[in-house]
Amino acid sequence: MDVPFFNTGLLGSKRFLDKQETKVMNFLRAYLEAIKILKTERDYSIKALAQFTRVQNLKAVQEGYDYFVRQLEPVPYPSVVAMQAVVDQIAESNPKAKNVDAKNYVNDRYLRRLEEEGFVKKIWGK
């Protein structure tokens, strides 16, 4: 249906992001490494997903994995369009949200920095 939505997302207050930059960067490094493992080590990932979700139906876990892994970008930049869709939906029941600029709730500076530093190339071997 080509409806924009957040497939994954991480939230943090501006205050936390500004004060805990080292923690944020270390978390994002680990997160990007986990995405790499998820996308490149199918059997290991499916086994881990089954274990941690406690889903007994292996076929369901495999199907979920196959769908999700295609949706997940190696570097999951936040989408302003998807955030605007969230704002628009909230605005249907809360008139105050009509004046909200979705751009104020999306920040990609840390991911950009990791790409600029070469971290993404390093883990993907590119």
C-alpha atoms as a PDB file:
ATOM      1  CA  MET A   1       0.000   0.000   0.000  1.00  0.00           C
ATOM      2  CA  ASP A   2       3.079   2.223   0.093  1.00  0.00           C
ATOM      3  CA  VAL A   3       2.120   3.786   3.415  1.00  0.00           C
ATOM      4  CA  PRO A   4       5.149   5.262   5.199  1.00  0.00           C
ATOM      5  CA  PHE A   5       5.807   3.800   8.630  1.00  0.00           C
ATOM      6  CA  PHE A   6       8.651   3.205  11.031  1.00  0.00           C
ATOM      7  CA  ASN A   7       9.946  -0.311  10.676  1.00  0.00           C
ATOM      8  CA  THR A   8      12.339   0.217  13.539  1.00  0.00           C
ATOM      9  CA  GLY A   9      13.135   3.188  15.636  1.00  0.00           C
ATOM     10  CA  LEU A  10      15.083   4.363  18.604  1.00  0.00           C
ATOM     11  CA  LEU A  11      13.922   7.114  20.881  1.00  0.00           C
ATOM     12  CA  GLY A  12      15.824   9.381  23.204  1.00  0.00           C
ATOM     13  CA  SER A  13      15.307  12.787  24.666  1.00  0.00           C
ATOM     14  CA  LYS A  14      17.394  15.636  23.280  1.00  0.00           C
ATOM     15  CA  ARG A  15      18.818  16.160  26.738  1.00  0.00           C
ATOM     16  CA  PHE A  16      19.954  12.531  27.029  1.00  0.00           C
ATOM     17  CA  LEU A  17      21.369  12.469  23.511  1.00  0.00           C
ATOM     18  CA  ASP A  18      23.361  15.634  24.130  1.00  0.00           C
ATOM     19  CA  LYS A  19      24.641  14.635  27.582  1.00  0.00           C
ATOM     20  CA  GLN A  20      25.357  10.970  26.883  1.00  0.00           C
ATOM     21  CA  GLU A  21      26.889  11.165  23.418  1.00  0.00           C
ATOM     22  CA  THR A  22      29.527   8.499  24.093  1.00  0.00           C
ATOM     23  CA  LYS A  23      26.875   6.044  25.281  1.00  0.00           C
ATOM     24  CA  VAL A  24      24.684   6.843  22.296  1.00  0.00           C
ATOM     25  CA  MET A  25      27.538   6.280  19.848  1.00  0.00           C
ATOM     26  CA  ASN A  26      28.558   3.005  21.521  1.00  0.00           C
ATOM     27  CA  PHE A  27      24.954   1.803  21.490  1.00  0.00           C
ATOM     28  CA  LEU A  28      24.589   2.650  17.802  1.00  0.00           C
ATOM     29  CA  ARG A  29      27.835   0.839  16.971  1.00  0.00           C
ATOM     30  CA  ALA A  30      26.479  -2.287  18.673  1.00  0.00           C
ATOM     31  CA  TYR A  31      23.097  -1.826  16.989  1.00  0.00           C
ATOM     32  CA  LEU A  32      24.674  -1.575  13.526  1.00  0.00           C
ATOM     33  CA  GLU A  33      26.830  -4.619  14.225  1.00  0.00           C
ATOM     34  CA  ALA A  34      23.696  -6.530  15.273  1.00  0.00           C
ATOM     35  CA  ILE A  35      21.964  -5.521  12.037  1.00  0.00           C
ATOM     36  CA  LYS A  36      24.953  -6.828  10.086  1.00  0.00           C
ATOM     37  CA  ILE A  37      24.766 -10.184  11.882  1.00  0.00           C
ATOM     38  CA  LEU A  38      20.997 -10.333  11.393  1.00  0.00           C
ATOM     39  CA  LYS A  39      21.310  -9.683   7.655  1.00  0.00           C
ATOM     40  CA  THR A  40      24.282 -11.978   6.991  1.00  0.00           C
ATOM     41  CA  GLU A  41      23.874 -14.900   9.390  1.00  0.00           C
ATOM     42  CA  ARG A  42      20.377 -16.229   8.714  1.00  0.00           C
ATOM     43  CA  ASP A  43      20.524 -19.527  10.627  1.00  0.00           C
ATOM     44  CA  TYR A  44      22.116 -17.964  13.697  1.00  0.00           C
ATOM     45  CA  SER A  45      19.613 -15.085  13.627  1.00  0.00           C
ATOM     46  CA  ILE A  46      16.601 -17.371  13.282  1.00  0.00           C
ATOM     47  CA  LYS A  47      17.812 -19.517  16.173  1.00  0.00           C
ATOM     48  CA  ALA A  48      18.306 -16.415  18.348  1.00  0.00           C
ATOM     49  CA  LEU A  49      14.915 -14.980  17.381  1.00  0.00           C
ATOM     50  CA  ALA A  50      13.175 -18.250  18.214  1.00  0.00           C
ATOM     51  CA  GLN A  51      14.957 -18.430  21.562  1.00  0.00           C
ATOM     52  CA  PHE A  52      14.322 -14.869  22.675  1.00  0.00           C
ATOM     53  CA  THR A  53      10.742 -14.621  21.387  1.00  0.00           C
ATOM     54  CA  ARG A  54       9.956 -18.118  22.690  1.00  0.00           C
ATOM     55  CA  VAL A  55       8.117 -18.868  19.462  1.00  0.00           C
ATOM     56  CA  GLN A  56       8.003 -22.630  18.976  1.00  0.00           C
ATOM     57  CA  ASN A  57       6.855 -22.530  15.334  1.00  0.00           C
ATOM     58  CA  LEU A  58      10.153 -22.437  13.431  1.00  0.00           C
ATOM     59  CA  LYS A  59       8.420 -21.831  10.091  1.00  0.00           C
ATOM     60  CA  ALA A  60       6.732 -18.717  11.510  1.00  0.00           C
ATOM     61  CA  VAL A  61      10.075 -17.434  12.809  1.00  0.00           C
ATOM     62  CA  GLN A  62      11.697 -18.055   9.412  1.00  0.00           C
ATOM     63  CA  GLU A  63       8.885 -16.273   7.569  1.00  0.00           C
ATOM     64  CA  GLY A  64       9.049 -13.336   9.979  1.00  0.00           C
ATOM     65  CA  TYR A  65      12.809 -13.174   9.589  1.00  0.00           C
ATOM     66  CA  ASP A  66      12.644 -13.297   5.782  1.00  0.00           C
ATOM     67  CA  TYR A  67      10.119 -10.453   5.713  1.00  0.00           C
ATOM     68  CA  PHE A  68      11.817  -8.252   8.297  1.00  0.00           C
ATOM     69  CA  VAL A  69      15.388  -8.653   7.047  1.00  0.00           C
ATOM     70  CA  ARG A  70      14.340  -7.275   3.634  1.00  0.00           C
ATOM     71  CA  GLN A  71      12.779  -4.227   5.284  1.00  0.00           C
ATOM     72  CA  LEU A  72      15.729  -3.386   7.512  1.00  0.00           C
ATOM     73  CA  GLU A  73      18.369  -1.135   6.001  1.00  0.00           C
ATOM     74  CA  PRO A  74      22.044  -1.696   6.888  1.00  0.00           C
ATOM     75  CA  VAL A  75      22.019   1.826   8.306  1.00  0.00           C
ATOM     76  CA  PRO A  76      18.429   2.501   9.407  1.00  0.00           C
ATOM     77  CA  TYR A  77      18.178   6.249   8.970  1.00  0.00           C
ATOM     78  CA  PRO A  78      14.992   7.694  10.450  1.00  0.00           C
ATOM     79  CA  SER A  79      12.356   8.780   7.978  1.00  0.00           C
ATOM     80  CA  VAL A  80      10.859  12.263   8.162  1.00  0.00           C
ATOM     81  CA  VAL A  81       8.028  11.025   5.920  1.00  0.00           C
ATOM     82  CA  ALA A  82       7.224   8.200   8.348  1.00  0.00           C
ATOM     83  CA  MET A  83       7.355  10.600  11.298  1.00  0.00           C
ATOM     84  CA  GLN A  84       5.008  12.958   9.455  1.00  0.00           C
ATOM     85  CA  ALA A  85       2.586  10.043   9.010  1.00  0.00           C
ATOM     86  CA  VAL A  86       2.664   9.522  12.794  1.00  0.00           C
ATOM     87  CA  VAL A  87       2.083  13.232  13.415  1.00  0.00           C
ATOM     88  CA  ASP A  88      -0.784  13.279  10.924  1.00  0.00           C
ATOM     89  CA  GLN A  89      -2.428  10.322  12.622  1.00  0.00           C
ATOM     90  CA  ILE A  90      -2.133  11.945  16.046  1.00  0.00           C
ATOM     91  CA  ALA A  91      -3.508  15.197  14.614  1.00  0.00           C
ATOM     92  CA  GLU A  92      -6.741  13.413  13.749  1.00  0.00           C
ATOM     93  CA  SER A  93      -7.587  13.213  17.449  1.00  0.00           C
ATOM     94  CA  ASN A  94      -5.408  16.008  18.855  1.00  0.00           C
ATOM     95  CA  PRO A  95      -5.662  19.380  17.082  1.00  0.00           C
ATOM     96  CA  LYS A  96      -2.421  20.599  18.707  1.00  0.00           C
ATOM     97  CA  ALA A  97      -0.476  18.090  16.626  1.00  0.00           C
ATOM     98  CA  LYS A  98      -1.472  19.845  13.406  1.00  0.00           C
ATOM     99  CA  ASN A  99       1.203  22.456  14.104  1.00  0.00           C
ATOM    100  CA  VAL A 100       3.983  19.934  14.812  1.00  0.00           C
ATOM    101  CA  ASP A 101       6.907  19.781  12.398  1.00  0.00           C
ATOM    102  CA  ALA A 102       7.962  16.139  12.069  1.00  0.00           C
ATOM    103  CA  LYS A 103      11.537  17.215  11.288  1.00  0.00           C
ATOM    104  CA  ASN A 104      11.910  18.285  14.925  1.00  0.00           C
ATOM    105  CA  TYR A 105      11.546  14.650  16.008  1.00  0.00           C
ATOM    106  CA  VAL A 106      14.036  13.051  13.630  1.00  0.00           C
ATOM    107  CA  ASN A 107      17.769  13.135  14.144  1.00  0.00           C
ATOM    108  CA  ASP A 108      20.320  11.251  12.077  1.00  0.00           C
ATOM    109  CA  ARG A 109      23.492  13.034  13.154  1.00  0.00           C
ATOM    110  CA  TYR A 110      24.941  10.047  15.021  1.00  0.00           C
ATOM    111  CA  LEU A 111      24.375   7.614  12.169  1.00  0.00           C
ATOM    112  CA  ARG A 112      25.863  10.104   9.713  1.00  0.00           C
ATOM    113  CA  ARG A 113      28.904  10.476  11.945  1.00  0.00           C
ATOM    114  CA  LEU A 114      29.399   6.700  12.084  1.00  0.00           C
ATOM    115  CA  GLU A 115      29.291   6.578   8.295  1.00  0.00           C
ATOM    116  CA  GLU A 116      31.674   9.532   7.989  1.00  0.00           C
ATOM    117  CA  GLU A 117      34.101   7.895  10.443  1.00  0.00           C
ATOM    118  CA  GLY A 118      34.134   4.756   8.289  1.00  0.00           C
ATOM    119  CA  PHE A 119      32.491   2.531  10.882  1.00  0.00           C
ATOM    120  CA  VAL A 120      29.816   1.285   8.494  1.00  0.00           C
ATOM    121  CA  LYS A 121      32.381   0.472   5.798  1.00  0.00           C
ATOM    122  CA  LYS A 122      34.454  -1.341   8.386  1.00  0.00           C
ATOM    123  CA  ILE A 123      31.680  -3.694   9.529  1.00  0.00           C
ATOM    124  CA  TRP A 124      30.316  -4.311   6.028  1.00  0.00           C
ATOM    125  CA  GLY A 125      33.760  -4.691   4.452  1.00  0.00           C
ATOM    126  CA  LYS A 126      32.995  -2.094   1.794  1.00  0.00           C
END
